Amino acid sequence: MFKLIRILVKILIVIIPLLISVAYFTLVERKVLAAFQRRKGPNVVGVYGLLQPLADGFKLLIKESVIPSSSNKFLFIASPILTFVISLLGWGVIPFSEYSVIAELNLSLLYILAISSLGVYGIILSGWSSNSKYAFLGALRSTAQMVSYEVSMGFIVLTIVLICGTFDLMHITAFQKLFWFVIPLAPLAIIFFISALAETNRHPFDLPEAEAELVSGYNVEYSAMSFALFSLGEYANMLLMCSLNAILFFGGANNFFFIPAFIIFSIKICFFVILFIWMRAALPRYRYDQLMVLGWKIFLPVSLAYLIITAGVLLAFNKCPF
């Protein structure tokens, strides 16, 4: 009983700050976009608009949820819940410091890849259950996009696993105490970041939510809290990808002089959050054929070639860990 309570407390210690971070991610995004466009962002609710995310959440909570009469009602309701829950599961193995992790798994990196691939099901079910051609087309686009870019991300992860000899994120973080992987693997770091944008359906790869043609894509029929769950899941996935970028290429939660590891890790995540927002402010949307060409004809061959070259170099110097 005591062990169960301790596990629940550890989960709440991660989940509650995560949900607060997701809420204020939206505020930071609106403020940064406003700065890029030389206008004011939210500044009415609370001091400097700091209570705006709480007001938005309360508004969605009290709104009536509309369910289309021709939809599959069970799947329509279950899809946003599934998307939201899956977006939280990946955080169970993220090391926030040397000793701070909910579940230390030997295959934690493989677990995150498996969980991220499950996110496709919530999106495809929401598009199909809505019984709307716009929602279904947006879900198909999102599924094809996420599957396409997961392949190159998988090869990049394998390259890092080949160097470290482990799937454990704690050991990968410890391996980078002397130097970060972004130095020898700079092209892979760039490809991984761009693939993370595509994986989370963010600019310039927000084709599933193209307002001009699909009227917001797979979530077009959703409102109130069901829409809020999709939004929370999307932003939680973005934060997860930011943390993976920080762990795999920028040393993760390693101490820096006397600064605690958790603060260093948070700063790195914030850096990638700003980059995500910057891409939205600066770049136009890709065409869908360009999106697929980039994933299959550029990123996939480059990441595969890097994997083969890395394996060859390690074997040549007799440093292969396997």
Protein backbone atom coordinates (compact mmCIF):
# COMPACT_ATOMS: atom_id res chain seq x y z
CA MET A 1 0.00 0.00 0.00
CA PHE A 2 2.76 2.44 0.93
CA LYS A 3 4.62 1.61 -2.30
CA LEU A 4 1.48 2.32 -4.36
CA ILE A 5 0.99 5.68 -2.62
CA ARG A 6 4.64 6.58 -3.28
CA ILE A 7 4.24 5.76 -7.00
CA LEU A 8 1.06 7.85 -7.23
CA VAL A 9 2.80 10.78 -5.52
CA LYS A 10 5.71 10.53 -7.98
CA ILE A 11 3.27 10.52 -10.90
CA LEU A 12 1.41 13.57 -9.57
CA ILE A 13 4.70 15.41 -8.99
CA VAL A 14 5.39 15.08 -12.73
CA ILE A 15 1.85 15.35 -14.16
CA ILE A 16 0.70 18.50 -12.32
CA PRO A 17 3.73 20.68 -13.28
CA LEU A 18 3.48 19.25 -16.81
CA LEU A 19 -0.15 20.34 -17.18
CA ILE A 20 0.72 23.79 -15.80
CA SER A 21 3.65 23.97 -18.25
CA VAL A 22 1.36 23.01 -21.14
CA ALA A 23 -1.13 25.71 -20.15
CA TYR A 24 1.56 28.39 -20.00
CA PHE A 25 3.18 27.07 -23.18
CA THR A 26 0.12 28.47 -24.98
CA LEU A 27 0.61 31.86 -23.28
CA VAL A 28 4.33 31.95 -24.15
CA GLU A 29 3.49 31.05 -27.74
CA ARG A 30 0.96 33.87 -28.06
CA LYS A 31 3.33 36.36 -26.42
CA VAL A 32 6.30 35.37 -28.61
CA LEU A 33 4.19 35.43 -31.79
CA ALA A 34 2.93 38.87 -30.79
CA ALA A 35 6.52 40.06 -30.35
CA PHE A 36 7.46 38.70 -33.80
CA GLN A 37 4.48 40.51 -35.33
CA ARG A 38 5.07 43.75 -33.36
CA ARG A 39 1.80 43.72 -31.47
CA LYS A 40 0.59 42.99 -27.94
CA GLY A 41 -0.30 39.48 -26.89
CA PRO A 42 -2.79 38.57 -24.13
CA ASN A 43 -2.56 41.39 -21.56
CA VAL A 44 -6.04 41.79 -20.03
CA VAL A 45 -6.69 38.77 -17.78
CA GLY A 46 -4.30 39.10 -14.84
CA VAL A 47 -1.00 40.98 -14.67
CA TYR A 48 0.56 40.94 -18.18
CA GLY A 49 -2.04 38.32 -19.14
CA LEU A 50 -0.65 35.66 -16.79
CA LEU A 51 -4.14 34.34 -15.96
CA GLN A 52 -5.17 33.97 -19.62
CA PRO A 53 -4.49 30.18 -19.80
CA LEU A 54 -6.65 29.64 -16.70
CA ALA A 55 -9.46 31.71 -18.23
CA ASP A 56 -9.23 29.76 -21.51
CA GLY A 57 -9.31 26.45 -19.66
CA PHE A 58 -12.31 27.50 -17.56
CA LYS A 59 -14.16 28.69 -20.68
CA LEU A 60 -13.64 25.31 -22.40
CA LEU A 61 -14.65 23.47 -19.21
CA ILE A 62 -18.06 25.15 -18.93
CA LYS A 63 -18.92 25.05 -22.64
CA GLU A 64 -21.38 22.48 -23.95
CA SER A 65 -19.77 19.59 -25.81
CA VAL A 66 -21.51 19.02 -29.16
CA ILE A 67 -21.50 15.47 -30.54
CA PRO A 68 -22.46 15.09 -34.23
CA SER A 69 -25.57 12.96 -34.67
CA SER A 70 -24.02 10.83 -37.45
CA SER A 71 -20.76 10.12 -35.57
CA ASN A 72 -19.66 6.98 -33.76
CA LYS A 73 -20.30 8.43 -30.32
CA PHE A 74 -18.13 6.06 -28.26
CA LEU A 75 -15.02 6.49 -30.43
CA PHE A 76 -15.75 10.20 -30.85
CA ILE A 77 -15.59 10.68 -27.07
CA ALA A 78 -12.76 8.18 -26.48
CA SER A 79 -10.36 9.57 -29.14
CA PRO A 80 -9.35 12.83 -27.36
CA ILE A 81 -9.02 10.95 -24.06
CA LEU A 82 -6.76 8.39 -25.74
CA THR A 83 -4.64 11.12 -27.34
CA PHE A 84 -4.27 12.97 -24.03
CA VAL A 85 -3.38 9.87 -21.99
CA ILE A 86 -0.80 8.69 -24.54
CA SER A 87 0.83 12.13 -24.56
CA LEU A 88 1.39 11.83 -20.79
CA LEU A 89 2.70 8.25 -20.75
CA GLY A 90 6.03 9.14 -22.36
CA TRP A 91 6.98 11.40 -19.44
CA GLY A 92 7.27 8.41 -17.12
CA VAL A 93 10.83 7.66 -18.30
CA ILE A 94 12.18 11.20 -18.83
CA PRO A 95 15.10 11.80 -16.40
CA PHE A 96 14.75 15.30 -14.89
CA SER A 97 18.00 14.83 -12.97
CA GLU A 98 20.40 12.03 -12.13
CA TYR A 99 18.01 10.53 -9.57
CA SER A 100 14.66 12.03 -10.59
CA VAL A 101 12.62 9.75 -12.86
CA ILE A 102 9.28 7.97 -12.34
CA ALA A 103 10.32 4.65 -13.89
CA GLU A 104 13.93 3.83 -14.76
CA LEU A 105 13.73 1.36 -17.66
CA ASN A 106 16.63 -0.19 -19.52
CA LEU A 107 14.66 0.31 -22.75
CA SER A 108 13.28 3.78 -21.95
CA LEU A 109 14.13 5.22 -25.38
CA LEU A 110 12.41 2.28 -27.10
CA TYR A 111 9.43 2.82 -24.80
CA ILE A 112 9.12 6.47 -25.87
CA LEU A 113 9.25 5.50 -29.57
CA ALA A 114 6.49 2.93 -28.96
CA ILE A 115 4.32 5.41 -27.04
CA SER A 116 4.77 8.17 -29.66
CA SER A 117 3.72 5.76 -32.42
CA LEU A 118 0.52 4.96 -30.49
CA GLY A 119 -0.50 8.61 -30.75
CA VAL A 120 -1.52 7.94 -34.36
CA TYR A 121 -4.50 5.86 -33.20
CA GLY A 122 -6.22 8.69 -31.33
CA ILE A 123 -5.96 10.95 -34.38
CA ILE A 124 -7.11 8.41 -36.97
CA LEU A 125 -10.02 7.32 -34.74
CA SER A 126 -11.12 10.92 -34.17
CA GLY A 127 -11.13 11.62 -37.92
CA TRP A 128 -13.02 8.42 -38.75
CA SER A 129 -15.55 8.61 -35.90
CA SER A 130 -16.50 12.21 -36.74
CA ASN A 131 -18.07 11.02 -40.04
CA SER A 132 -16.80 14.19 -41.74
CA LYS A 133 -14.74 14.21 -44.91
CA TYR A 134 -12.62 17.15 -43.70
CA ALA A 135 -11.85 15.46 -40.38
CA PHE A 136 -11.10 12.12 -42.07
CA LEU A 137 -8.78 13.68 -44.67
CA GLY A 138 -6.95 15.58 -41.91
CA ALA A 139 -6.56 12.35 -39.91
CA LEU A 140 -5.17 10.49 -42.95
CA ARG A 141 -2.69 13.30 -43.60
CA SER A 142 -1.58 13.34 -39.99
CA THR A 143 -1.15 9.57 -39.87
CA ALA A 144 0.91 9.45 -43.07
CA GLN A 145 3.02 12.37 -41.88
CA MET A 146 3.74 10.93 -38.42
CA VAL A 147 4.57 7.46 -39.77
CA SER A 148 6.86 8.90 -42.47
CA TYR A 149 8.98 10.97 -40.11
CA GLU A 150 9.11 8.32 -37.37
CA VAL A 151 11.28 6.19 -39.70
CA SER A 152 14.12 8.73 -39.92
CA MET A 153 13.77 9.50 -36.19
CA GLY A 154 14.17 5.79 -35.49
CA PHE A 155 17.44 5.62 -37.47
CA ILE A 156 18.75 8.69 -35.63
CA VAL A 157 17.91 7.09 -32.28
CA LEU A 158 19.66 3.88 -33.39
CA THR A 159 22.79 5.87 -34.22
CA ILE A 160 22.91 7.28 -30.68
CA VAL A 161 22.15 3.85 -29.20
CA LEU A 162 25.02 2.40 -31.25
CA ILE A 163 27.42 4.99 -29.78
CA CYS A 164 26.23 4.63 -26.17
CA GLY A 165 25.46 0.91 -26.19
CA THR A 166 22.16 1.38 -24.33
CA PHE A 167 18.52 2.43 -24.75
CA ASP A 168 18.48 3.88 -21.22
CA LEU A 169 18.00 7.67 -21.26
CA MET A 170 19.79 7.98 -17.91
CA HIS A 171 22.94 6.37 -19.35
CA ILE A 172 22.68 8.40 -22.58
CA THR A 173 22.56 11.56 -20.46
CA ALA A 174 25.55 10.43 -18.37
CA PHE A 175 27.48 9.58 -21.56
CA GLN A 176 27.38 13.29 -22.54
CA LYS A 177 29.03 14.71 -19.43
CA LEU A 178 32.23 15.56 -21.32
CA PHE A 179 30.77 16.49 -24.72
CA TRP A 180 27.34 16.79 -26.30
CA PHE A 181 26.31 14.66 -29.27
CA VAL A 182 25.28 17.79 -31.18
CA ILE A 183 29.00 18.37 -31.92
CA PRO A 184 29.78 15.15 -33.87
CA LEU A 185 26.17 14.55 -34.95
CA ALA A 186 25.09 18.08 -35.95
CA PRO A 187 23.27 17.01 -39.17
CA LEU A 188 21.33 14.38 -37.22
CA ALA A 189 20.41 16.95 -34.56
CA ILE A 190 18.95 19.23 -37.25
CA ILE A 191 17.06 16.35 -38.90
CA PHE A 192 15.71 15.18 -35.52
CA PHE A 193 14.46 18.67 -34.67
CA ILE A 194 12.73 19.08 -38.06
CA SER A 195 11.25 15.56 -37.76
CA ALA A 196 9.96 16.52 -34.29
CA LEU A 197 8.13 19.45 -35.91
CA ALA A 198 6.54 17.07 -38.42
CA GLU A 199 5.77 14.48 -35.72
CA THR A 200 3.81 17.04 -33.70
CA ASN A 201 2.07 18.59 -36.75
CA ARG A 202 3.67 21.97 -36.19
CA HIS A 203 4.67 24.69 -38.65
CA PRO A 204 5.81 24.41 -41.35
CA PHE A 205 4.32 20.89 -41.39
CA ASP A 206 0.81 21.62 -40.07
CA LEU A 207 -0.81 20.09 -43.17
CA PRO A 208 -3.40 18.09 -41.15
CA GLU A 209 -4.72 21.37 -39.71
CA ALA A 210 -4.59 23.47 -42.88
CA GLU A 211 -7.41 25.95 -42.14
CA ALA A 212 -7.80 27.08 -45.75
CA GLU A 213 -8.60 23.59 -47.05
CA LEU A 214 -9.47 21.30 -44.10
CA VAL A 215 -11.01 23.76 -41.61
CA SER A 216 -8.72 22.60 -38.74
CA GLY A 217 -8.41 18.95 -39.81
CA TYR A 218 -9.13 15.93 -37.61
CA ASN A 219 -10.48 17.98 -34.66
CA VAL A 220 -12.90 20.10 -36.69
CA GLU A 221 -16.02 18.51 -35.11
CA TYR A 222 -14.74 18.78 -31.53
CA SER A 223 -15.61 21.47 -28.99
CA ALA A 224 -15.35 22.25 -25.28
CA MET A 225 -13.25 19.82 -23.19
CA SER A 226 -12.82 17.25 -25.97
CA PHE A 227 -11.11 19.94 -28.06
CA ALA A 228 -9.11 20.99 -24.99
CA LEU A 229 -7.84 17.41 -24.53
CA PHE A 230 -6.55 17.38 -28.11
CA SER A 231 -4.83 20.70 -27.52
CA LEU A 232 -3.31 19.54 -24.23
CA GLY A 233 -2.08 16.33 -25.86
CA GLU A 234 -0.51 18.22 -28.77
CA TYR A 235 1.37 20.63 -26.52
CA ALA A 236 2.45 17.84 -24.14
CA ASN A 237 3.88 15.99 -27.16
CA MET A 238 5.75 19.14 -28.17
CA LEU A 239 7.29 19.42 -24.71
CA LEU A 240 8.21 15.72 -24.87
CA MET A 241 9.98 16.24 -28.21
CA CYS A 242 11.78 19.28 -26.79
CA SER A 243 12.99 17.18 -23.85
CA LEU A 244 14.13 14.39 -26.22
CA ASN A 245 16.10 16.92 -28.27
CA ALA A 246 17.74 18.14 -25.07
CA ILE A 247 18.55 14.61 -23.85
CA LEU A 248 19.79 13.06 -27.10
CA PHE A 249 21.94 15.94 -28.39
CA PHE A 250 22.44 18.57 -25.68
CA GLY A 251 23.42 16.59 -22.60
CA GLY A 252 20.01 16.40 -20.93
CA ALA A 253 19.96 16.87 -17.15
CA ASN A 254 23.69 17.11 -16.45
CA ASN A 255 24.96 19.46 -13.76
CA PHE A 256 26.67 22.66 -14.87
CA PHE A 257 29.02 24.01 -12.19
CA PHE A 258 26.77 24.50 -9.14
CA ILE A 259 23.46 24.88 -11.03
CA PRO A 260 21.04 22.00 -10.28
CA ALA A 261 20.49 19.53 -13.13
CA PHE A 262 16.72 20.13 -13.14
CA ILE A 263 17.17 23.85 -13.84
CA ILE A 264 19.68 23.16 -16.63
CA PHE A 265 17.27 20.66 -18.19
CA SER A 266 14.37 23.14 -17.96
CA ILE A 267 16.45 25.86 -19.67
CA LYS A 268 17.27 23.48 -22.54
CA ILE A 269 13.59 22.57 -22.94
CA CYS A 270 12.65 26.28 -22.96
CA PHE A 271 15.24 26.87 -25.69
CA PHE A 272 13.58 24.29 -27.93
CA VAL A 273 10.12 25.63 -27.06
CA ILE A 274 11.19 29.04 -28.37
CA LEU A 275 12.54 27.35 -31.53
CA PHE A 276 9.18 25.61 -32.06
CA ILE A 277 7.37 28.95 -31.78
CA TRP A 278 9.97 30.66 -33.98
CA MET A 279 9.31 28.14 -36.77
CA ARG A 280 5.60 28.95 -36.58
CA ALA A 281 6.24 32.68 -36.82
CA ALA A 282 8.86 32.59 -39.58
CA LEU A 283 8.08 29.78 -42.03
CA PRO A 284 5.27 29.24 -44.58
CA ARG A 285 3.42 25.95 -44.82
CA TYR A 286 4.88 23.16 -47.00
CA ARG A 287 2.89 21.52 -49.77
CA TYR A 288 2.03 17.92 -48.99
CA ASP A 289 4.17 16.48 -51.79
CA GLN A 290 7.14 18.53 -50.52
CA LEU A 291 6.53 17.15 -47.02
CA MET A 292 6.70 13.55 -48.26
CA VAL A 293 9.73 14.17 -50.50
CA LEU A 294 11.61 15.73 -47.57
CA GLY A 295 10.82 12.78 -45.29
CA TRP A 296 11.39 9.85 -47.65
CA LYS A 297 13.95 11.12 -50.17
CA ILE A 298 16.16 13.36 -48.01
CA PHE A 299 15.88 12.62 -44.29
CA LEU A 300 15.59 8.84 -44.59
CA PRO A 301 18.71 8.32 -46.80
CA VAL A 302 20.80 10.79 -44.74
CA SER A 303 19.86 9.24 -41.38
CA LEU A 304 20.41 5.71 -42.72
CA ALA A 305 23.80 6.70 -44.19
CA TYR A 306 24.83 8.25 -40.86
CA LEU A 307 23.87 5.02 -39.08
CA ILE A 308 25.96 2.89 -41.46
CA ILE A 309 28.95 5.28 -41.30
CA THR A 310 28.80 5.40 -37.49
CA ALA A 311 28.69 1.60 -37.29
CA GLY A 312 31.64 1.37 -39.70
CA VAL A 313 33.75 3.86 -37.74
CA LEU A 314 33.04 2.11 -34.42
CA LEU A 315 33.92 -1.29 -35.89
CA ALA A 316 37.09 0.08 -37.51
CA PHE A 317 38.33 1.39 -34.16
CA ASN A 318 37.03 -1.64 -32.28
CA LYS A 319 34.70 0.54 -30.20
CA CYS A 320 31.37 -1.04 -31.09
CA PRO A 321 29.53 -1.71 -27.77
CA PHE A 322 27.53 -4.66 -29.17
